[in-house]
């Protein structure tokens, strides 16, 4: 894979494009997150469940294309 990556510019460009989209999504989700950047201050199950649901909804509706 490494030799192919080094020898094929199209493969490198494709990998770079996908990586940039993922990083953009991570930046967006970090910007959109709430409550200490998604870090929980307590171990309340309700709070954890809310954060997981929010994260799933964000990923389902805000996917970067």
Protein backbone atom coordinates (compact mmCIF):
# COMPACT_ATOMS: atom_id res chain seq x y z
CA UNK A 1 0.00 0.00 0.00
CA UNK A 2 2.80 2.42 0.86
CA UNK A 3 4.55 2.00 -2.50
CA UNK A 4 1.25 2.42 -4.29
CA UNK A 5 0.52 5.55 -2.24
CA UNK A 6 3.91 7.00 -3.13
CA UNK A 7 3.70 6.17 -6.82
CA UNK A 8 0.08 7.20 -7.56
CA UNK A 9 -0.73 10.91 -7.24
CA UNK A 10 -4.46 10.23 -7.77
CA UNK A 11 -4.53 7.92 -4.75
CA UNK A 12 -2.79 10.52 -2.59
CA UNK A 13 -5.21 13.23 -3.74
CA UNK A 14 -8.21 11.01 -2.95
CA UNK A 15 -6.94 10.12 0.50
CA UNK A 16 -6.14 13.76 1.23
CA UNK A 17 -9.62 14.86 0.12
CA UNK A 18 -11.35 12.32 2.36
CA UNK A 19 -9.08 13.19 5.29
CA UNK A 20 -9.89 16.88 4.86
CA UNK A 21 -13.63 16.15 4.89
CA UNK A 22 -13.33 14.11 8.07
CA UNK A 23 -11.25 16.80 9.77
CA UNK A 24 -13.78 19.44 8.71
CA UNK A 25 -16.57 17.38 10.26
CA UNK A 26 -14.60 16.96 13.48
CA UNK A 27 -14.03 20.70 13.63
CA UNK A 28 -17.72 21.34 13.03
CA UNK A 29 -18.84 18.86 15.69
CA UNK A 30 -16.36 20.34 18.16
CA UNK A 31 -17.68 23.83 17.42
CA UNK A 32 -21.27 22.63 17.79
CA UNK A 33 -20.75 20.54 20.92
CA UNK A 34 -21.92 21.80 24.27
CA UNK A 35 -20.97 21.37 27.90
CA UNK A 36 -17.19 21.61 28.16
CA UNK A 37 -16.58 20.39 24.59
CA UNK A 38 -18.48 17.17 25.21
CA UNK A 39 -16.59 16.25 28.38
CA UNK A 40 -19.01 15.31 31.12
CA UNK A 41 -18.60 16.89 34.55
CA UNK A 42 -20.47 14.10 36.32
CA UNK A 43 -21.39 10.46 35.81
CA UNK A 44 -25.15 10.95 35.59
CA UNK A 45 -26.59 8.35 33.20
CA UNK A 46 -29.17 10.84 31.89
CA UNK A 47 -26.45 13.30 30.92
CA UNK A 48 -24.40 10.59 29.21
CA UNK A 49 -27.43 9.37 27.29
CA UNK A 50 -28.26 12.91 26.17
CA UNK A 51 -24.72 13.46 24.90
CA UNK A 52 -24.70 10.17 22.99
CA UNK A 53 -28.08 10.95 21.39
CA UNK A 54 -26.90 14.43 20.43
CA UNK A 55 -23.72 13.05 18.89
CA UNK A 56 -25.65 10.43 16.89
CA UNK A 57 -28.11 13.03 15.60
CA UNK A 58 -25.28 15.34 14.63
CA UNK A 59 -23.55 12.60 12.69
CA UNK A 60 -26.76 11.43 11.02
CA UNK A 61 -27.87 14.89 9.91
CA UNK A 62 -24.66 16.83 9.50
CA UNK A 63 -22.46 14.54 7.51
CA UNK A 64 -19.96 16.43 5.39
CA UNK A 65 -20.04 15.55 1.71
